[in-house]
Amino acid sequence: ALFIQCYADQPLVQGPARLLKYLEQIDHNLATWRFRHAMMVQRMLGSKPGTGGSPGHAYLRATVERCRIFADLSNLAGLVLPANSLPVLPSAVKASLQFQMHAFEPMSPSS
């Protein structure tokens, strides 16, 4: 994931980079929902215990950070180097990250 974020400008890495951003967005949306749910429970129940004997609001509030699905992806941001500090990719690696054009050969009809 770190390689993908650092070299997201390479053609074949752009799709996976978008996927990582979508996964981070899903994680953010779930955390936002959990937080709003915890606030609603606080307004409705106050400090009463929750259903099933849980501590209620305190439990729900703690799950906002504890239950992040893709927290590692968000934490990668601190590890990404500026583009001008990235090591130069070896030519073989750079070539493998480019789109490859192949001649199209139509299939022959089956007999």
N, C-alpha and C. Protein backbone atom coordinates (compact mmCIF):
# COMPACT_ATOMS: atom_id res chain seq x y z
N ALA A 1 0.82 -1.19 0.00
CA ALA A 1 0.00 0.00 0.00
C ALA A 1 0.87 1.26 0.00
N LEU A 2 2.01 1.20 0.71
CA LEU A 2 2.90 2.36 0.74
C LEU A 2 3.49 2.62 -0.65
N PHE A 3 3.90 1.56 -1.33
CA PHE A 3 4.42 1.71 -2.69
C PHE A 3 3.37 2.32 -3.60
N ILE A 4 2.14 1.84 -3.49
CA ILE A 4 1.05 2.35 -4.33
C ILE A 4 0.83 3.84 -4.07
N GLN A 5 0.84 4.25 -2.80
CA GLN A 5 0.63 5.66 -2.51
C GLN A 5 1.79 6.52 -2.96
N CYS A 6 3.01 6.00 -2.84
CA CYS A 6 4.18 6.80 -3.25
C CYS A 6 4.27 6.95 -4.75
N TYR A 7 3.92 5.90 -5.48
CA TYR A 7 4.08 5.93 -6.93
C TYR A 7 2.72 5.92 -7.63
N ALA A 8 1.74 6.60 -7.09
CA ALA A 8 0.39 6.62 -7.64
C ALA A 8 0.32 7.26 -9.01
N ASP A 9 1.36 7.98 -9.43
CA ASP A 9 1.33 8.60 -10.76
C ASP A 9 1.71 7.62 -11.87
N GLN A 10 2.19 6.44 -11.52
CA GLN A 10 2.52 5.43 -12.52
C GLN A 10 1.21 4.84 -13.07
N PRO A 11 1.13 4.64 -14.38
CA PRO A 11 -0.15 4.23 -15.00
C PRO A 11 -0.81 3.00 -14.37
N LEU A 12 -0.08 1.93 -14.16
CA LEU A 12 -0.72 0.71 -13.66
C LEU A 12 -0.98 0.75 -12.16
N VAL A 13 -0.56 1.78 -11.49
CA VAL A 13 -0.77 1.89 -10.05
C VAL A 13 -1.95 2.82 -9.74
N GLN A 14 -2.45 3.53 -10.75
CA GLN A 14 -3.53 4.48 -10.52
C GLN A 14 -4.83 3.81 -10.08
N GLY A 15 -5.16 2.66 -10.65
CA GLY A 15 -6.37 1.93 -10.23
C GLY A 15 -6.28 1.47 -8.78
N PRO A 16 -5.20 0.78 -8.40
CA PRO A 16 -5.07 0.41 -6.98
C PRO A 16 -5.04 1.61 -6.04
N ALA A 17 -4.47 2.73 -6.48
CA ALA A 17 -4.45 3.93 -5.64
C ALA A 17 -5.87 4.44 -5.40
N ARG A 18 -6.71 4.40 -6.43
CA ARG A 18 -8.11 4.80 -6.27
C ARG A 18 -8.82 3.85 -5.31
N LEU A 19 -8.54 2.56 -5.43
CA LEU A 19 -9.15 1.58 -4.53
C LEU A 19 -8.78 1.87 -3.08
N LEU A 20 -7.52 2.19 -2.82
CA LEU A 20 -7.10 2.52 -1.45
C LEU A 20 -7.86 3.74 -0.93
N LYS A 21 -8.05 4.75 -1.79
CA LYS A 21 -8.79 5.94 -1.37
C LYS A 21 -10.25 5.59 -1.06
N TYR A 22 -10.86 4.72 -1.87
CA TYR A 22 -12.24 4.30 -1.62
C TYR A 22 -12.34 3.54 -0.30
N LEU A 23 -11.37 2.68 -0.01
CA LEU A 23 -11.38 1.94 1.25
C LEU A 23 -11.24 2.89 2.44
N GLU A 24 -10.39 3.90 2.31
CA GLU A 24 -10.27 4.90 3.38
C GLU A 24 -11.59 5.65 3.57
N GLN A 25 -12.27 5.94 2.46
CA GLN A 25 -13.55 6.66 2.54
C GLN A 25 -14.61 5.79 3.22
N ILE A 26 -14.62 4.49 2.93
CA ILE A 26 -15.55 3.58 3.59
C ILE A 26 -15.29 3.59 5.09
N ASP A 27 -14.03 3.50 5.48
CA ASP A 27 -13.66 3.51 6.90
C ASP A 27 -14.11 4.80 7.57
N HIS A 28 -13.89 5.92 6.88
CA HIS A 28 -14.29 7.23 7.42
C HIS A 28 -15.81 7.29 7.59
N ASN A 29 -16.55 6.81 6.59
CA ASN A 29 -18.01 6.85 6.67
C ASN A 29 -18.54 5.98 7.80
N LEU A 30 -17.94 4.79 8.00
CA LEU A 30 -18.37 3.94 9.11
C LEU A 30 -18.07 4.58 10.46
N ALA A 31 -16.90 5.20 10.58
CA ALA A 31 -16.55 5.87 11.84
C ALA A 31 -17.50 7.04 12.10
N THR A 32 -17.85 7.77 11.06
CA THR A 32 -18.80 8.88 11.20
C THR A 32 -20.15 8.36 11.66
N TRP A 33 -20.61 7.25 11.08
CA TRP A 33 -21.89 6.67 11.48
C TRP A 33 -21.83 6.24 12.95
N ARG A 34 -20.74 5.56 13.33
CA ARG A 34 -20.61 5.11 14.73
C ARG A 34 -20.64 6.29 15.69
N PHE A 35 -19.94 7.37 15.34
CA PHE A 35 -19.90 8.55 16.20
C PHE A 35 -21.30 9.15 16.34
N ARG A 36 -22.00 9.30 15.22
CA ARG A 36 -23.35 9.88 15.27
C ARG A 36 -24.30 8.98 16.05
N HIS A 37 -24.14 7.68 15.91
CA HIS A 37 -24.96 6.73 16.67
C HIS A 37 -24.69 6.89 18.17
N ALA A 38 -23.41 7.02 18.54
CA ALA A 38 -23.06 7.19 19.96
C ALA A 38 -23.67 8.48 20.50
N MET A 39 -23.65 9.56 19.71
CA MET A 39 -24.23 10.82 20.17
C MET A 39 -25.75 10.71 20.33
N MET A 40 -26.40 9.97 19.41
CA MET A 40 -27.84 9.77 19.51
C MET A 40 -28.17 8.97 20.77
N VAL A 41 -27.37 7.94 21.07
CA VAL A 41 -27.59 7.14 22.27
C VAL A 41 -27.42 7.99 23.51
N GLN A 42 -26.44 8.88 23.52
CA GLN A 42 -26.24 9.75 24.67
C GLN A 42 -27.46 10.66 24.88
N ARG A 43 -28.01 11.18 23.79
CA ARG A 43 -29.19 12.03 23.91
C ARG A 43 -30.41 11.23 24.38
N MET A 44 -30.54 9.97 23.90
CA MET A 44 -31.72 9.17 24.21
C MET A 44 -31.63 8.51 25.59
N LEU A 45 -30.45 7.95 25.92
CA LEU A 45 -30.32 7.17 27.15
C LEU A 45 -29.57 7.90 28.26
N GLY A 46 -28.78 8.88 27.89
CA GLY A 46 -27.96 9.54 28.89
C GLY A 46 -26.89 8.58 29.39
N SER A 47 -26.78 8.43 30.71
CA SER A 47 -25.75 7.57 31.28
C SER A 47 -26.27 6.18 31.65
N LYS A 48 -27.48 5.85 31.23
CA LYS A 48 -28.04 4.53 31.53
C LYS A 48 -27.26 3.45 30.77
N PRO A 49 -27.27 2.22 31.31
CA PRO A 49 -26.61 1.13 30.59
C PRO A 49 -27.32 0.86 29.26
N GLY A 50 -26.54 0.35 28.32
CA GLY A 50 -27.11 0.04 27.02
C GLY A 50 -27.79 -1.31 27.01
N THR A 51 -28.34 -1.66 25.87
CA THR A 51 -28.98 -2.96 25.76
C THR A 51 -27.92 -4.04 25.89
N GLY A 52 -28.27 -5.16 26.48
CA GLY A 52 -27.32 -6.25 26.67
C GLY A 52 -26.35 -6.00 27.81
N GLY A 53 -26.59 -4.94 28.61
CA GLY A 53 -25.74 -4.66 29.75
C GLY A 53 -24.45 -3.92 29.43
N SER A 54 -24.31 -3.43 28.20
CA SER A 54 -23.09 -2.67 27.86
C SER A 54 -23.12 -1.32 28.57
N PRO A 55 -21.97 -0.66 28.67
CA PRO A 55 -21.93 0.65 29.32
C PRO A 55 -22.64 1.76 28.53
N GLY A 56 -23.30 1.42 27.44
CA GLY A 56 -24.06 2.40 26.68
C GLY A 56 -23.19 3.34 25.87
N HIS A 57 -23.37 4.63 26.11
CA HIS A 57 -22.67 5.65 25.33
C HIS A 57 -21.16 5.48 25.40
N ALA A 58 -20.62 5.21 26.56
CA ALA A 58 -19.16 5.09 26.71
C ALA A 58 -18.62 3.96 25.83
N TYR A 59 -19.34 2.86 25.78
CA TYR A 59 -18.92 1.73 24.94
C TYR A 59 -18.97 2.11 23.47
N LEU A 60 -20.07 2.72 23.05
CA LEU A 60 -20.21 3.09 21.64
C LEU A 60 -19.16 4.12 21.23
N ARG A 61 -18.90 5.06 22.10
CA ARG A 61 -17.91 6.09 21.80
C ARG A 61 -16.52 5.47 21.65
N ALA A 62 -16.21 4.48 22.47
CA ALA A 62 -14.90 3.82 22.38
C ALA A 62 -14.75 3.03 21.09
N THR A 63 -15.86 2.52 20.55
CA THR A 63 -15.77 1.73 19.33
C THR A 63 -15.46 2.58 18.11
N VAL A 64 -15.67 3.88 18.19
CA VAL A 64 -15.39 4.74 17.04
C VAL A 64 -13.93 4.60 16.61
N GLU A 65 -13.00 4.66 17.54
CA GLU A 65 -11.58 4.53 17.20
C GLU A 65 -11.11 3.09 17.22
N ARG A 66 -11.65 2.29 18.11
CA ARG A 66 -11.17 0.92 18.27
C ARG A 66 -11.54 0.03 17.09
N CYS A 67 -12.63 0.30 16.44
CA CYS A 67 -13.13 -0.58 15.38
C CYS A 67 -12.93 -0.03 13.98
N ARG A 68 -11.88 0.71 13.78
CA ARG A 68 -11.57 1.18 12.43
C ARG A 68 -11.15 -0.02 11.58
N ILE A 69 -11.69 -0.13 10.39
CA ILE A 69 -11.41 -1.29 9.54
C ILE A 69 -10.08 -1.13 8.80
N PHE A 70 -9.86 0.05 8.25
CA PHE A 70 -8.67 0.29 7.43
C PHE A 70 -7.79 1.38 8.05
N ALA A 71 -7.61 1.34 9.36
CA ALA A 71 -6.82 2.38 10.04
C ALA A 71 -5.39 2.40 9.53
N ASP A 72 -4.85 1.25 9.16
CA ASP A 72 -3.47 1.21 8.66
C ASP A 72 -3.30 2.06 7.40
N LEU A 73 -4.31 2.08 6.55
CA LEU A 73 -4.21 2.89 5.33
C LEU A 73 -4.13 4.38 5.68
N SER A 74 -4.91 4.81 6.65
CA SER A 74 -4.87 6.22 7.06
C SER A 74 -3.53 6.56 7.70
N ASN A 75 -2.94 5.60 8.42
CA ASN A 75 -1.67 5.85 9.09
C ASN A 75 -0.50 5.92 8.12
N LEU A 76 -0.68 5.45 6.89
CA LEU A 76 0.40 5.49 5.90
C LEU A 76 0.74 6.91 5.47
N ALA A 77 -0.19 7.82 5.63
CA ALA A 77 0.04 9.19 5.15
C ALA A 77 1.30 9.80 5.76
N GLY A 78 1.62 9.43 6.97
CA GLY A 78 2.82 9.96 7.62
C GLY A 78 4.11 9.34 7.10
N LEU A 79 4.01 8.27 6.34
CA LEU A 79 5.18 7.58 5.82
C LEU A 79 5.50 7.92 4.37
N VAL A 80 4.54 8.52 3.67
CA VAL A 80 4.72 8.83 2.25
C VAL A 80 5.74 9.95 2.09
N LEU A 81 6.72 9.72 1.24
CA LEU A 81 7.75 10.72 0.97
C LEU A 81 7.26 11.72 -0.08
N PRO A 82 7.78 12.96 -0.06
CA PRO A 82 7.46 13.89 -1.14
C PRO A 82 7.98 13.33 -2.46
N ALA A 83 7.32 13.67 -3.55
CA ALA A 83 7.68 13.11 -4.86
C ALA A 83 9.14 13.35 -5.22
N ASN A 84 9.69 14.49 -4.84
CA ASN A 84 11.09 14.78 -5.21
C ASN A 84 12.09 14.02 -4.34
N SER A 85 11.63 13.34 -3.29
CA SER A 85 12.52 12.56 -2.42
C SER A 85 12.43 11.06 -2.68
N LEU A 86 11.52 10.65 -3.54
CA LEU A 86 11.37 9.22 -3.82
C LEU A 86 12.56 8.69 -4.58
N PRO A 87 12.98 7.47 -4.29
CA PRO A 87 14.06 6.88 -5.08
C PRO A 87 13.60 6.65 -6.52
N VAL A 88 14.52 6.76 -7.44
CA VAL A 88 14.20 6.52 -8.85
C VAL A 88 13.97 5.02 -9.02
N LEU A 89 12.89 4.70 -9.71
CA LEU A 89 12.58 3.30 -9.95
C LEU A 89 13.55 2.73 -10.99
N PRO A 90 14.01 1.51 -10.79
CA PRO A 90 14.83 0.88 -11.82
C PRO A 90 14.04 0.80 -13.13
N SER A 91 14.75 0.87 -14.24
CA SER A 91 14.07 0.92 -15.55
C SER A 91 13.18 -0.30 -15.78
N ALA A 92 13.59 -1.48 -15.31
CA ALA A 92 12.76 -2.67 -15.50
C ALA A 92 11.45 -2.56 -14.73
N VAL A 93 11.51 -2.01 -13.51
CA VAL A 93 10.29 -1.83 -12.72
C VAL A 93 9.41 -0.77 -13.35
N LYS A 94 10.02 0.34 -13.77
CA LYS A 94 9.24 1.42 -14.39
C LYS A 94 8.56 0.93 -15.67
N ALA A 95 9.27 0.12 -16.46
CA ALA A 95 8.69 -0.41 -17.69
C ALA A 95 7.52 -1.33 -17.38
N SER A 96 7.61 -2.10 -16.30
CA SER A 96 6.52 -3.01 -15.96
C SER A 96 5.30 -2.28 -15.43
N LEU A 97 5.47 -1.03 -15.01
CA LEU A 97 4.34 -0.24 -14.51
C LEU A 97 3.66 0.58 -15.60
N GLN A 98 4.14 0.49 -16.82
CA GLN A 98 3.55 1.21 -17.95
C GLN A 98 2.52 0.31 -18.62
N PHE A 99 1.59 0.92 -19.34
CA PHE A 99 0.64 0.13 -20.11
C PHE A 99 1.38 -0.52 -21.27
N GLN A 100 1.05 -1.75 -21.53
CA GLN A 100 1.68 -2.49 -22.62
C GLN A 100 0.68 -2.61 -23.76
N MET A 101 1.11 -2.26 -24.95
CA MET A 101 0.26 -2.37 -26.13
C MET A 101 0.67 -3.63 -26.89
N HIS A 102 -0.29 -4.49 -27.16
CA HIS A 102 -0.03 -5.71 -27.90
C HIS A 102 -0.91 -5.70 -29.15
N ALA A 103 -0.36 -6.27 -30.21
CA ALA A 103 -1.15 -6.35 -31.44
C ALA A 103 -2.33 -7.29 -31.21
N PHE A 104 -3.47 -6.87 -31.70
CA PHE A 104 -4.68 -7.68 -31.56
C PHE A 104 -4.74 -8.66 -32.71
N GLU A 105 -4.88 -9.92 -32.39
CA GLU A 105 -5.03 -10.94 -33.42
C GLU A 105 -6.41 -11.56 -33.27
N PRO A 106 -7.25 -11.39 -34.28
CA PRO A 106 -8.59 -11.96 -34.18
C PRO A 106 -8.54 -13.47 -34.09
N MET A 107 -9.48 -14.03 -33.35
CA MET A 107 -9.55 -15.48 -33.21
C MET A 107 -10.08 -16.08 -34.50
N SER A 108 -9.55 -17.23 -34.85
CA SER A 108 -10.06 -17.90 -36.05
C SER A 108 -11.35 -18.63 -35.68
N PRO A 109 -12.30 -18.66 -36.58
CA PRO A 109 -13.59 -19.34 -36.27
C PRO A 109 -13.36 -20.83 -36.06
N SER A 110 -14.07 -21.39 -35.10
CA SER A 110 -13.96 -22.82 -34.81
C SER A 110 -14.69 -23.61 -35.88
N SER A 111 -14.16 -24.75 -36.19
CA SER A 111 -14.81 -25.59 -37.20
C SER A 111 -15.70 -26.59 -36.56
